[in-house]
Protein backbone atom coordinates (compact mmCIF):
# COMPACT_ATOMS: atom_id res chain seq x y z
CA MET A 1 49.71 -229.81 -45.56
CA ASN A 2 48.29 -230.84 -42.16
CA GLU A 3 47.75 -234.24 -43.22
CA LEU A 4 51.43 -234.65 -44.32
CA ILE A 5 52.65 -233.19 -40.97
CA GLU A 6 50.35 -235.53 -39.06
CA LYS A 7 51.78 -238.44 -41.11
CA LEU A 8 55.35 -237.46 -40.57
CA ASN A 9 54.73 -237.32 -36.74
CA LYS A 10 53.15 -240.69 -36.81
CA LEU A 11 56.06 -241.97 -38.82
CA LEU A 12 58.53 -240.39 -36.17
CA ALA A 13 56.51 -242.02 -33.38
CA THR A 14 56.50 -245.41 -34.98
CA THR A 15 60.09 -245.31 -35.92
CA PHE A 16 60.97 -244.48 -32.36
CA ALA A 17 58.89 -247.25 -30.95
CA PHE A 18 60.51 -249.75 -33.37
CA SER A 19 64.03 -248.64 -32.46
CA LEU A 20 63.34 -248.75 -28.77
CA LYS A 21 61.80 -252.39 -29.07
CA ALA A 22 64.73 -253.48 -31.07
CA GLN A 23 67.11 -252.16 -28.49
CA PHE A 24 65.07 -253.85 -25.78
CA PHE A 25 65.51 -257.19 -27.59
CA HIS A 26 69.21 -256.43 -28.09
CA TRP A 27 69.64 -255.97 -24.36
CA ASN A 28 67.59 -259.09 -23.42
CA VAL A 29 68.14 -261.76 -26.03
CA THR A 30 69.46 -265.03 -24.63
CA GLY A 31 70.14 -268.49 -25.84
CA GLN A 32 72.42 -270.45 -28.09
CA ASP A 33 72.47 -267.88 -30.81
CA PHE A 34 72.92 -264.98 -28.35
CA SER A 35 75.95 -263.53 -29.90
CA GLN A 36 74.51 -263.55 -33.49
CA TYR A 37 71.19 -261.98 -32.46
CA HIS A 38 72.67 -259.55 -29.96
CA GLY A 39 74.67 -258.10 -32.92
CA PHE A 40 71.88 -258.29 -35.37
CA PHE A 41 69.40 -256.51 -33.09
CA GLY A 42 72.14 -253.87 -32.17
CA ASN A 43 72.76 -253.17 -35.77
CA LEU A 44 69.09 -252.91 -36.41
CA TYR A 45 68.26 -250.42 -33.57
CA THR A 46 71.27 -248.37 -34.33
CA GLU A 47 70.28 -247.85 -37.97
CA VAL A 48 66.71 -247.21 -37.23
CA TYR A 49 67.64 -244.78 -34.35
CA GLU A 50 69.65 -242.73 -36.78
CA ALA A 51 66.56 -242.49 -38.99
CA ILE A 52 64.65 -240.78 -36.07
CA ASP A 53 66.76 -237.64 -36.33
CA GLN A 54 66.56 -237.60 -40.18
CA THR A 55 62.85 -237.99 -39.97
CA ALA A 56 62.49 -235.04 -37.49
CA GLU A 57 64.61 -232.87 -39.67
CA GLN A 58 62.41 -233.76 -42.69
CA THR A 59 59.39 -232.65 -40.52
CA ARG A 60 61.14 -229.39 -39.67
CA ALA A 61 61.95 -228.88 -43.29
CA VAL A 62 58.22 -228.71 -44.06
CA ASN A 63 57.97 -226.00 -41.41
CA ALA A 64 56.28 -228.28 -38.80
CA THR A 65 57.06 -229.18 -35.32
CA ALA A 66 58.66 -232.61 -34.74
CA TYR A 67 57.04 -234.25 -31.77
CA GLY A 68 59.37 -235.45 -29.00
CA SER A 69 57.55 -236.61 -26.01
CA PHE A 70 56.77 -240.18 -24.94
CA THR A 71 53.09 -239.19 -24.57
CA GLN A 72 52.80 -238.04 -27.99
CA TYR A 73 54.80 -241.02 -29.37
CA MET A 74 52.48 -243.50 -27.45
CA SER A 75 49.42 -242.05 -28.88
CA LEU A 76 50.64 -241.79 -32.38
CA SER A 77 52.71 -244.87 -32.93
CA GLU A 78 51.37 -247.83 -34.88
CA ILE A 79 53.81 -250.00 -32.91
CA GLN A 80 52.83 -251.19 -29.51
CA CYS A 81 55.10 -251.13 -26.41
CA GLN A 82 56.87 -254.29 -25.37
CA THR A 83 57.04 -254.84 -21.68
CA THR A 84 57.80 -258.54 -21.68
CA VAL A 85 60.87 -260.43 -22.82
CA PRO A 86 59.77 -263.02 -25.38
CA ALA A 87 61.72 -266.01 -26.73
CA LEU A 88 64.20 -265.42 -29.42
CA GLN A 89 62.12 -266.49 -32.42
CA GLU A 90 59.22 -264.45 -31.15
CA MET A 91 61.59 -261.43 -30.99
CA VAL A 92 62.31 -261.99 -34.67
CA SER A 93 58.66 -262.36 -35.51
CA ILE A 94 57.58 -259.34 -33.59
CA LEU A 95 60.26 -257.17 -35.24
CA TYR A 96 59.34 -258.51 -38.56
CA ARG A 97 55.69 -257.62 -38.11
CA ASP A 98 56.51 -254.18 -36.73
CA ASN A 99 58.91 -253.54 -39.72
CA GLU A 100 56.00 -254.22 -42.02
CA THR A 101 54.01 -251.80 -40.05
CA ILE A 102 56.67 -249.14 -40.57
CA ILE A 103 56.82 -249.91 -44.32
CA SER A 104 53.12 -249.30 -44.34
CA VAL A 105 53.40 -246.00 -42.53
CA LEU A 106 56.27 -245.08 -44.89
CA LYS A 107 54.00 -245.65 -47.95
CA GLU A 108 51.25 -243.46 -46.27
CA VAL A 109 53.69 -240.66 -45.84
CA HIS A 110 55.05 -241.09 -49.39
CA GLU A 111 51.78 -240.78 -50.90
CA ALA A 112 50.98 -237.66 -48.94
CA ALA A 113 54.46 -236.18 -49.88
CA GLU A 114 53.84 -236.92 -53.51
CA ARG A 115 50.38 -235.07 -53.27
CA TYR A 116 52.23 -232.07 -51.89
CA ASN A 117 55.11 -232.26 -54.36
CA GLU A 118 57.60 -232.41 -51.62
CA ARG A 119 60.43 -234.00 -53.83
CA GLY A 120 63.20 -234.08 -51.20
CA LEU A 121 60.85 -235.73 -48.71
CA VAL A 122 59.79 -238.25 -51.29
CA ASN A 123 63.52 -239.12 -51.98
CA PHE A 124 64.07 -239.49 -48.15
CA LEU A 125 61.16 -241.72 -47.79
CA GLU A 126 62.07 -243.96 -50.93
CA GLY A 127 65.54 -244.54 -49.25
CA ARG A 128 63.76 -245.50 -45.84
CA LEU A 129 61.47 -247.84 -47.68
CA ASP A 130 64.37 -249.59 -49.45
CA THR A 131 66.17 -249.87 -46.08
CA HIS A 132 63.15 -251.35 -44.35
CA LYS A 133 62.49 -253.73 -47.15
CA LYS A 134 66.14 -255.01 -46.48
CA HIS A 135 65.29 -255.28 -42.82
CA SER A 136 62.19 -257.34 -43.68
CA TRP A 137 64.40 -259.70 -45.82
CA MET A 138 66.77 -260.21 -43.12
CA LEU A 139 64.21 -260.63 -40.38
CA ARG A 140 61.99 -263.02 -42.57
CA SER A 141 65.13 -265.04 -43.55
CA SER A 142 65.83 -265.28 -39.75
CA MET A 143 62.34 -266.89 -39.31
CA ALA A 144 62.81 -269.37 -42.16
CA PRO A 145 62.94 -273.04 -41.07
CA VAL A 146 66.40 -274.41 -41.31
CA SER A 147 66.99 -277.25 -43.75
CA VAL A 148 70.26 -279.00 -44.00
CA THR A 149 71.00 -281.43 -46.78
CA ALA A 150 74.31 -283.19 -46.89
CA PRO A 151 75.58 -284.44 -50.23
CA VAL A 152 76.61 -288.11 -49.83
CA ARG A 153 79.19 -289.95 -51.95
CA GLU A 154 77.31 -292.05 -54.54
CA GLU A 155 79.87 -295.00 -54.89
CA ALA A 156 79.51 -297.89 -52.53
CA PRO A 157 82.32 -298.24 -50.10
CA ALA A 158 84.53 -301.29 -50.03
CA GLU A 159 83.54 -303.86 -47.28
CA ASP A 160 86.53 -302.96 -45.15
CA GLU A 161 86.05 -299.23 -45.77
CA ILE A 162 84.50 -297.01 -43.15
CA ARG A 163 81.31 -295.15 -44.62
CA THR A 164 81.83 -291.33 -44.30
CA TYR A 165 79.45 -288.52 -45.17
CA THR A 166 80.69 -285.09 -46.13
CA LEU A 167 78.72 -281.91 -45.56
CA ASP A 168 79.40 -279.24 -47.91
CA VAL A 169 78.91 -276.11 -45.69
CA LYS A 170 79.85 -273.69 -48.48
CA ASN A 171 76.68 -274.60 -50.38
CA LEU A 172 74.10 -274.46 -47.48
């Protein structure tokens, strides 16, 4: 059971570090897409922050102490501290990599919970895995190169007609 408890506290520390980093990026994002990413990072850190309490409660449910100090979190977290403000696209890339790290830690805890037949914990972890897979999708999609193709009228314009192009934004 000690293995499971250690992995739960590692998950708690890693989740805390991710939430803090997403909040740091929320506060410091700049640029043309500020509003969109300020909101996106805000939603991300808020959702993950709520999972910190749930993870601590799951740790307590297996009759263990849930760690709560920065010193413990720094030594256990699989996610490194962020002390500089990167450019927007680097923020997204960093959060994507860190989210993949959380998925890896969640899978470790899930395997241990299965071995100890902790069904409620397994269900909780599966929900968190689903949520972080969605976060990965959203972050990965934000990193994808933008490609815009504009459908053009096929018929040739009359000689005195002005040539116009239509961009169908509903199908981008």
